[in-house]
């Protein structure tokens, strides 16, 4: 907690990807009373069961390798948040 900055916005990332990392980072954000948006691979939105539901419902911003998506659609998601 002491290493989390006291600023209006930030990007938090790990050195690897695991869908459950989002839950731990979300818990830290809640302790700081901050809203957290997680950038996730668009394919993770299609995951079944609990983890898929979590990714779809916990302020996820989907990202994809498609250049049109990255240059036109994803920036709009970022602008809204």
PDB file of N, CA and C in Angstrom:
ATOM      1  N   UNK A   1       0.817  -1.195   0.000  1.00  0.00           N
ATOM      2  CA  UNK A   1       0.000   0.000   0.000  1.00  0.00           C
ATOM      3  C   UNK A   1       0.862   1.260   0.000  1.00  0.00           C
ATOM      4  N   UNK A   2       1.973   1.244   0.700  1.00  0.00           N
ATOM      5  CA  UNK A   2       2.809   2.437   0.802  1.00  0.00           C
ATOM      6  C   UNK A   2       3.458   2.801  -0.535  1.00  0.00           C
ATOM      7  N   UNK A   3       3.527   1.873  -1.474  1.00  0.00           N
ATOM      8  CA  UNK A   3       4.141   2.162  -2.766  1.00  0.00           C
ATOM      9  C   UNK A   3       3.149   2.658  -3.818  1.00  0.00           C
ATOM     10  N   UNK A   4       1.884   2.674  -3.484  1.00  0.00           N
ATOM     11  CA  UNK A   4       0.890   3.155  -4.438  1.00  0.00           C
ATOM     12  C   UNK A   4       0.884   4.678  -4.435  1.00  0.00           C
ATOM     13  N   UNK A   5       0.954   5.277  -5.612  1.00  0.00           N
ATOM     14  CA  UNK A   5       0.976   6.739  -5.656  1.00  0.00           C
ATOM     15  C   UNK A   5      -0.375   7.344  -5.281  1.00  0.00           C
ATOM     16  N   UNK A   6      -0.339   8.549  -4.774  1.00  0.00           N
ATOM     17  CA  UNK A   6      -1.554   9.286  -4.457  1.00  0.00           C
ATOM     18  C   UNK A   6      -1.801  10.269  -5.602  1.00  0.00           C
ATOM     19  N   UNK A   7      -2.326   9.755  -6.700  1.00  0.00           N
ATOM     20  CA  UNK A   7      -2.562  10.579  -7.882  1.00  0.00           C
ATOM     21  C   UNK A   7      -3.918  10.205  -8.482  1.00  0.00           C
ATOM     22  N   UNK A   8      -4.453  11.059  -9.347  1.00  0.00           N
ATOM     23  CA  UNK A   8      -5.788  10.795  -9.892  1.00  0.00           C
ATOM     24  C   UNK A   8      -5.844   9.604 -10.858  1.00  0.00           C
ATOM     25  N   UNK A   9      -4.735   9.275 -11.502  1.00  0.00           N
ATOM     26  CA  UNK A   9      -4.749   8.141 -12.429  1.00  0.00           C
ATOM     27  C   UNK A   9      -3.364   7.522 -12.514  1.00  0.00           C
ATOM     28  N   UNK A  10      -3.333   6.256 -12.896  1.00  0.00           N
ATOM     29  CA  UNK A  10      -2.068   5.544 -13.011  1.00  0.00           C
ATOM     30  C   UNK A  10      -2.275   4.298 -13.859  1.00  0.00           C
ATOM     31  N   UNK A  11      -1.198   3.793 -14.423  1.00  0.00           N
ATOM     32  CA  UNK A  11      -1.194   2.503 -15.091  1.00  0.00           C
ATOM     33  C   UNK A  11      -0.456   1.538 -14.181  1.00  0.00           C
ATOM     34  N   UNK A  12      -1.061   0.400 -13.913  1.00  0.00           N
ATOM     35  CA  UNK A  12      -0.428  -0.635 -13.097  1.00  0.00           C
ATOM     36  C   UNK A  12      -0.304  -1.870 -13.966  1.00  0.00           C
ATOM     37  N   UNK A  13       0.869  -2.454 -13.978  1.00  0.00           N
ATOM     38  CA  UNK A  13       1.086  -3.650 -14.781  1.00  0.00           C
ATOM     39  C   UNK A  13       1.959  -4.629 -14.020  1.00  0.00           C
ATOM     40  N   UNK A  14       1.884  -5.876 -14.411  1.00  0.00           N
ATOM     41  CA  UNK A  14       2.721  -6.910 -13.811  1.00  0.00           C
ATOM     42  C   UNK A  14       3.793  -7.349 -14.792  1.00  0.00           C
ATOM     43  N   UNK A  15       4.690  -8.191 -14.334  1.00  0.00           N
ATOM     44  CA  UNK A  15       5.752  -8.670 -15.214  1.00  0.00           C
ATOM     45  C   UNK A  15       5.330  -9.924 -15.975  1.00  0.00           C
ATOM     46  N   UNK A  16       4.117 -10.369 -15.764  1.00  0.00           N
ATOM     47  CA  UNK A  16       3.532 -11.488 -16.494  1.00  0.00           C
ATOM     48  C   UNK A  16       2.018 -11.282 -16.473  1.00  0.00           C
ATOM     49  N   UNK A  17       1.290 -12.105 -17.212  1.00  0.00           N
ATOM     50  CA  UNK A  17      -0.156 -11.939 -17.206  1.00  0.00           C
ATOM     51  C   UNK A  17      -0.824 -13.168 -16.600  1.00  0.00           C
ATOM     52  N   UNK A  18      -1.691 -12.913 -15.681  1.00  0.00           N
ATOM     53  CA  UNK A  18      -2.537 -13.923 -15.088  1.00  0.00           C
ATOM     54  C   UNK A  18      -3.878 -13.235 -14.825  1.00  0.00           C
ATOM     55  N   UNK A  19      -4.964 -13.858 -15.241  1.00  0.00           N
ATOM     56  CA  UNK A  19      -6.273 -13.237 -15.084  1.00  0.00           C
ATOM     57  C   UNK A  19      -6.581 -12.916 -13.626  1.00  0.00           C
ATOM     58  N   UNK A  20      -6.054 -13.690 -12.695  1.00  0.00           N
ATOM     59  CA  UNK A  20      -6.352 -13.465 -11.280  1.00  0.00           C
ATOM     60  C   UNK A  20      -5.577 -12.285 -10.705  1.00  0.00           C
ATOM     61  N   UNK A  21      -4.529 -11.821 -11.388  1.00  0.00           N
ATOM     62  CA  UNK A  21      -3.797 -10.639 -10.921  1.00  0.00           C
ATOM     63  C   UNK A  21      -4.717  -9.428 -10.848  1.00  0.00           C
ATOM     64  N   UNK A  22      -5.668  -9.356 -11.763  1.00  0.00           N
ATOM     65  CA  UNK A  22      -6.600  -8.231 -11.784  1.00  0.00           C
ATOM     66  C   UNK A  22      -7.345  -8.131 -10.450  1.00  0.00           C
ATOM     67  N   UNK A  23      -7.669  -9.282  -9.866  1.00  0.00           N
ATOM     68  CA  UNK A  23      -8.389  -9.273  -8.593  1.00  0.00           C
ATOM     69  C   UNK A  23      -7.544  -8.668  -7.476  1.00  0.00           C
ATOM     70  N   UNK A  24      -6.269  -9.005  -7.432  1.00  0.00           N
ATOM     71  CA  UNK A  24      -5.391  -8.465  -6.387  1.00  0.00           C
ATOM     72  C   UNK A  24      -5.176  -6.961  -6.574  1.00  0.00           C
ATOM     73  N   UNK A  25      -4.972  -6.547  -7.811  1.00  0.00           N
ATOM     74  CA  UNK A  25      -4.788  -5.126  -8.093  1.00  0.00           C
ATOM     75  C   UNK A  25      -6.082  -4.371  -7.787  1.00  0.00           C
ATOM     76  N   UNK A  26      -7.219  -4.966  -8.119  1.00  0.00           N
ATOM     77  CA  UNK A  26      -8.524  -4.356  -7.820  1.00  0.00           C
ATOM     78  C   UNK A  26      -8.689  -4.182  -6.311  1.00  0.00           C
ATOM     79  N   UNK A  27      -8.275  -5.174  -5.542  1.00  0.00           N
ATOM     80  CA  UNK A  27      -8.374  -5.089  -4.086  1.00  0.00           C
ATOM     81  C   UNK A  27      -7.542  -3.919  -3.553  1.00  0.00           C
ATOM     82  N   UNK A  28      -6.331  -3.731  -4.096  1.00  0.00           N
ATOM     83  CA  UNK A  28      -5.499  -2.599  -3.687  1.00  0.00           C
ATOM     84  C   UNK A  28      -6.170  -1.272  -4.026  1.00  0.00           C
ATOM     85  N   UNK A  29      -6.744  -1.195  -5.212  1.00  0.00           N
ATOM     86  CA  UNK A  29      -7.419   0.037  -5.628  1.00  0.00           C
ATOM     87  C   UNK A  29      -8.591   0.342  -4.707  1.00  0.00           C
ATOM     88  N   UNK A  30      -9.314  -0.668  -4.311  1.00  0.00           N
ATOM     89  CA  UNK A  30     -10.456  -0.460  -3.420  1.00  0.00           C
ATOM     90  C   UNK A  30      -9.990   0.030  -2.051  1.00  0.00           C
ATOM     91  N   UNK A  31      -8.856  -0.469  -1.578  1.00  0.00           N
ATOM     92  CA  UNK A  31      -8.331   0.004  -0.297  1.00  0.00           C
ATOM     93  C   UNK A  31      -7.951   1.479  -0.367  1.00  0.00           C
ATOM     94  N   UNK A  32      -7.490   1.924  -1.543  1.00  0.00           N
ATOM     95  CA  UNK A  32      -7.142   3.333  -1.732  1.00  0.00           C
ATOM     96  C   UNK A  32      -8.358   4.163  -2.133  1.00  0.00           C
ATOM     97  N   UNK A  33      -9.528   3.489  -2.239  1.00  0.00           N
ATOM     98  CA  UNK A  33     -10.770   4.147  -2.654  1.00  0.00           C
ATOM     99  C   UNK A  33     -10.639   4.777  -4.040  1.00  0.00           C
ATOM    100  N   UNK A  34     -10.042   4.025  -4.963  1.00  0.00           N
ATOM    101  CA  UNK A  34      -9.844   4.450  -6.347  1.00  0.00           C
ATOM    102  C   UNK A  34     -10.556   3.467  -7.273  1.00  0.00           C
ATOM    103  N   UNK A  35     -11.005   3.956  -8.391  1.00  0.00           N
ATOM    104  CA  UNK A  35     -11.602   3.095  -9.401  1.00  0.00           C
ATOM    105  C   UNK A  35     -10.483   2.578 -10.286  1.00  0.00           C
ATOM    106  N   UNK A  36     -10.533   1.326 -10.623  1.00  0.00           N
ATOM    107  CA  UNK A  36      -9.490   0.685 -11.418  1.00  0.00           C
ATOM    108  C   UNK A  36     -10.069   0.145 -12.712  1.00  0.00           C
ATOM    109  N   UNK A  37      -9.416   0.443 -13.799  1.00  0.00           N
ATOM    110  CA  UNK A  37      -9.761  -0.131 -15.093  1.00  0.00           C
ATOM    111  C   UNK A  37      -8.616  -1.039 -15.504  1.00  0.00           C
ATOM    112  N   UNK A  38      -8.923  -2.252 -15.893  1.00  0.00           N
ATOM    113  CA  UNK A  38      -7.905  -3.212 -16.306  1.00  0.00           C
ATOM    114  C   UNK A  38      -7.940  -3.360 -17.819  1.00  0.00           C
ATOM    115  N   UNK A  39      -6.782  -3.219 -18.451  1.00  0.00           N
ATOM    116  CA  UNK A  39      -6.662  -3.468 -19.887  1.00  0.00           C
ATOM    117  C   UNK A  39      -6.420  -4.961 -20.049  1.00  0.00           C
ATOM    118  N   UNK A  40      -7.310  -5.616 -20.765  1.00  0.00           N
ATOM    119  CA  UNK A  40      -7.232  -7.065 -20.933  1.00  0.00           C
ATOM    120  C   UNK A  40      -7.340  -7.423 -22.412  1.00  0.00           C
ATOM    121  N   UNK A  41      -6.781  -8.553 -22.767  1.00  0.00           N
ATOM    122  CA  UNK A  41      -6.921  -9.052 -24.137  1.00  0.00           C
ATOM    123  C   UNK A  41      -8.402  -9.272 -24.412  1.00  0.00           C
ATOM    124  N   UNK A  42      -8.848  -8.841 -25.568  1.00  0.00           N
ATOM    125  CA  UNK A  42     -10.268  -8.964 -25.919  1.00  0.00           C
ATOM    126  C   UNK A  42     -10.746 -10.412 -25.807  1.00  0.00           C
ATOM    127  N   UNK A  43      -9.872 -11.358 -26.085  1.00  0.00           N
ATOM    128  CA  UNK A  43     -10.247 -12.774 -25.999  1.00  0.00           C
ATOM    129  C   UNK A  43     -10.613 -13.185 -24.579  1.00  0.00           C
ATOM    130  N   UNK A  44     -10.100 -12.468 -23.567  1.00  0.00           N
ATOM    131  CA  UNK A  44     -10.442 -12.805 -22.180  1.00  0.00           C
ATOM    132  C   UNK A  44     -11.895 -12.509 -21.853  1.00  0.00           C
ATOM    133  N   UNK A  45     -12.531 -11.638 -22.623  1.00  0.00           N
ATOM    134  CA  UNK A  45     -13.942 -11.340 -22.393  1.00  0.00           C
ATOM    135  C   UNK A  45     -14.823 -12.547 -22.717  1.00  0.00           C
ATOM    136  N   UNK A  46     -14.283 -13.462 -23.519  1.00  0.00           N
ATOM    137  CA  UNK A  46     -15.040 -14.652 -23.932  1.00  0.00           C
ATOM    138  C   UNK A  46     -14.796 -15.856 -23.030  1.00  0.00           C
ATOM    139  N   UNK A  47     -13.969 -15.700 -22.007  1.00  0.00           N
ATOM    140  CA  UNK A  47     -13.655 -16.828 -21.129  1.00  0.00           C
ATOM    141  C   UNK A  47     -14.916 -17.296 -20.407  1.00  0.00           C
ATOM    142  N   UNK A  48     -15.021 -18.601 -20.178  1.00  0.00           N
ATOM    143  CA  UNK A  48     -16.207 -19.119 -19.493  1.00  0.00           C
ATOM    144  C   UNK A  48     -16.092 -18.994 -17.973  1.00  0.00           C
ATOM    145  N   UNK A  49     -17.163 -19.292 -17.314  1.00  0.00           N
ATOM    146  CA  UNK A  49     -17.233 -19.432 -15.863  1.00  0.00           C
ATOM    147  C   UNK A  49     -16.948 -18.127 -15.126  1.00  0.00           C
ATOM    148  N   UNK A  50     -16.500 -18.240 -13.906  1.00  0.00           N
ATOM    149  CA  UNK A  50     -16.335 -17.094 -13.022  1.00  0.00           C
ATOM    150  C   UNK A  50     -15.324 -16.084 -13.540  1.00  0.00           C
ATOM    151  N   UNK A  51     -14.174 -16.538 -14.016  1.00  0.00           N
ATOM    152  CA  UNK A  51     -13.146 -15.588 -14.449  1.00  0.00           C
ATOM    153  C   UNK A  51     -13.633 -14.772 -15.641  1.00  0.00           C
ATOM    154  N   UNK A  52     -14.362 -15.366 -16.553  1.00  0.00           N
ATOM    155  CA  UNK A  52     -14.933 -14.626 -17.679  1.00  0.00           C
ATOM    156  C   UNK A  52     -15.925 -13.581 -17.214  1.00  0.00           C
ATOM    157  N   UNK A  53     -16.764 -13.948 -16.252  1.00  0.00           N
ATOM    158  CA  UNK A  53     -17.738 -13.002 -15.704  1.00  0.00           C
ATOM    159  C   UNK A  53     -17.023 -11.832 -15.041  1.00  0.00           C
ATOM    160  N   UNK A  54     -15.974 -12.130 -14.282  1.00  0.00           N
ATOM    161  CA  UNK A  54     -15.215 -11.077 -13.609  1.00  0.00           C
ATOM    162  C   UNK A  54     -14.604 -10.124 -14.622  1.00  0.00           C
ATOM    163  N   UNK A  55     -13.953 -10.673 -15.650  1.00  0.00           N
ATOM    164  CA  UNK A  55     -13.300  -9.835 -16.660  1.00  0.00           C
ATOM    165  C   UNK A  55     -14.325  -8.964 -17.381  1.00  0.00           C
ATOM    166  N   UNK A  56     -15.503  -9.497 -17.648  1.00  0.00           N
ATOM    167  CA  UNK A  56     -16.540  -8.730 -18.351  1.00  0.00           C
ATOM    168  C   UNK A  56     -17.182  -7.661 -17.485  1.00  0.00           C
ATOM    169  N   UNK A  57     -17.190  -7.820 -16.171  1.00  0.00           N
ATOM    170  CA  UNK A  57     -17.961  -6.942 -15.300  1.00  0.00           C
ATOM    171  C   UNK A  57     -17.152  -6.049 -14.371  1.00  0.00           C
ATOM    172  N   UNK A  58     -15.849  -6.085 -14.421  1.00  0.00           N
ATOM    173  CA  UNK A  58     -15.031  -5.304 -13.497  1.00  0.00           C
ATOM    174  C   UNK A  58     -14.204  -4.259 -14.220  1.00  0.00           C
ATOM    175  N   UNK A  59     -14.852  -3.334 -14.899  1.00  0.00           N
ATOM    176  CA  UNK A  59     -14.181  -2.208 -15.546  1.00  0.00           C
ATOM    177  C   UNK A  59     -12.997  -2.629 -16.402  1.00  0.00           C
ATOM    178  N   UNK A  60     -13.239  -3.542 -17.321  1.00  0.00           N
ATOM    179  CA  UNK A  60     -12.186  -4.007 -18.222  1.00  0.00           C
ATOM    180  C   UNK A  60     -12.198  -3.205 -19.511  1.00  0.00           C
ATOM    181  N   UNK A  61     -11.015  -2.869 -19.987  1.00  0.00           N
ATOM    182  CA  UNK A  61     -10.853  -2.216 -21.285  1.00  0.00           C
ATOM    183  C   UNK A  61     -10.214  -3.239 -22.217  1.00  0.00           C
ATOM    184  N   UNK A  62     -10.964  -3.753 -23.191  1.00  0.00           N
ATOM    185  CA  UNK A  62     -10.401  -4.773 -24.065  1.00  0.00           C
ATOM    186  C   UNK A  62      -9.380  -4.195 -25.037  1.00  0.00           C
ATOM    187  N   UNK A  63      -8.342  -4.975 -25.304  1.00  0.00           N
ATOM    188  CA  UNK A  63      -7.325  -4.580 -26.273  1.00  0.00           C
ATOM    189  C   UNK A  63      -7.146  -5.729 -27.261  1.00  0.00           C
ATOM    190  N   UNK A  64      -6.790  -5.394 -28.474  1.00  0.00           N
ATOM    191  CA  UNK A  64      -6.665  -6.383 -29.537  1.00  0.00           C
ATOM    192  C   UNK A  64      -5.482  -5.995 -30.419  1.00  0.00           C
ATOM    193  N   UNK A  65      -4.989  -6.915 -31.199  1.00  0.00           N
ATOM    194  CA  UNK A  65      -3.834  -6.654 -32.076  1.00  0.00           C
ATOM    195  C   UNK A  65      -4.210  -5.954 -33.382  1.00  0.00           C
ATOM    196  N   UNK A  66      -5.482  -5.861 -33.684  1.00  0.00           N
ATOM    197  CA  UNK A  66      -5.941  -5.240 -34.920  1.00  0.00           C
ATOM    198  C   UNK A  66      -5.568  -3.749 -34.939  1.00  0.00           C
ATOM    199  N   UNK A  67      -4.889  -3.315 -35.979  1.00  0.00           N
ATOM    200  CA  UNK A  67      -4.401  -1.935 -36.057  1.00  0.00           C
ATOM    201  C   UNK A  67      -5.539  -0.907 -36.097  1.00  0.00           C
ATOM    202  N   UNK A  68      -6.626  -1.207 -36.769  1.00  0.00           N
ATOM    203  CA  UNK A  68      -7.762  -0.283 -36.786  1.00  0.00           C
ATOM    204  C   UNK A  68      -8.312  -0.122 -35.375  1.00  0.00           C
ATOM    205  N   UNK A  69      -8.459  -1.238 -34.679  1.00  0.00           N
ATOM    206  CA  UNK A  69      -8.951  -1.194 -33.305  1.00  0.00           C
ATOM    207  C   UNK A  69      -8.019  -0.370 -32.426  1.00  0.00           C
ATOM    208  N   UNK A  70      -6.710  -0.632 -32.526  1.00  0.00           N
ATOM    209  CA  UNK A  70      -5.732   0.073 -31.689  1.00  0.00           C
ATOM    210  C   UNK A  70      -5.667   1.566 -31.988  1.00  0.00           C
ATOM    211  N   UNK A  71      -5.853   1.931 -33.250  1.00  0.00           N
ATOM    212  CA  UNK A  71      -5.693   3.338 -33.612  1.00  0.00           C
ATOM    213  C   UNK A  71      -6.991   4.147 -33.537  1.00  0.00           C
ATOM    214  N   UNK A  72      -8.151   3.498 -33.588  1.00  0.00           N
ATOM    215  CA  UNK A  72      -9.408   4.249 -33.600  1.00  0.00           C
ATOM    216  C   UNK A  72     -10.359   3.922 -32.451  1.00  0.00           C
ATOM    217  N   UNK A  73     -10.510   2.660 -32.122  1.00  0.00           N
ATOM    218  CA  UNK A  73     -11.508   2.269 -31.125  1.00  0.00           C
ATOM    219  C   UNK A  73     -10.941   2.310 -29.708  1.00  0.00           C
ATOM    220  N   UNK A  74      -9.776   1.709 -29.495  1.00  0.00           N
ATOM    221  CA  UNK A  74      -9.191   1.670 -28.153  1.00  0.00           C
ATOM    222  C   UNK A  74      -8.931   3.071 -27.586  1.00  0.00           C
ATOM    223  N   UNK A  75      -8.423   4.017 -28.387  1.00  0.00           N
ATOM    224  CA  UNK A  75      -8.246   5.372 -27.840  1.00  0.00           C
ATOM    225  C   UNK A  75      -9.560   5.993 -27.346  1.00  0.00           C
ATOM    226  N   UNK A  76     -10.667   5.632 -27.958  1.00  0.00           N
ATOM    227  CA  UNK A  76     -11.963   6.129 -27.496  1.00  0.00           C
ATOM    228  C   UNK A  76     -12.322   5.554 -26.126  1.00  0.00           C
ATOM    229  N   UNK A  77     -12.006   4.263 -25.913  1.00  0.00           N
ATOM    230  CA  UNK A  77     -12.199   3.669 -24.585  1.00  0.00           C
ATOM    231  C   UNK A  77     -11.383   4.428 -23.548  1.00  0.00           C
ATOM    232  N   UNK A  78     -10.123   4.721 -23.878  1.00  0.00           N
ATOM    233  CA  UNK A  78      -9.254   5.424 -22.941  1.00  0.00           C
ATOM    234  C   UNK A  78      -9.762   6.828 -22.657  1.00  0.00           C
ATOM    235  N   UNK A  79     -10.253   7.482 -23.692  1.00  0.00           N
ATOM    236  CA  UNK A  79     -10.762   8.845 -23.535  1.00  0.00           C
ATOM    237  C   UNK A  79     -11.971   8.865 -22.594  1.00  0.00           C
ATOM    238  N   UNK A  80     -12.850   7.879 -22.712  1.00  0.00           N
ATOM    239  CA  UNK A  80     -14.024   7.811 -21.847  1.00  0.00           C
ATOM    240  C   UNK A  80     -13.663   7.602 -20.387  1.00  0.00           C
ATOM    241  N   UNK A  81     -12.610   6.845 -20.150  1.00  0.00           N
ATOM    242  CA  UNK A  81     -12.256   6.540 -18.763  1.00  0.00           C
ATOM    243  C   UNK A  81     -11.452   7.670 -18.157  1.00  0.00           C
TER     244      UNK A  81
END
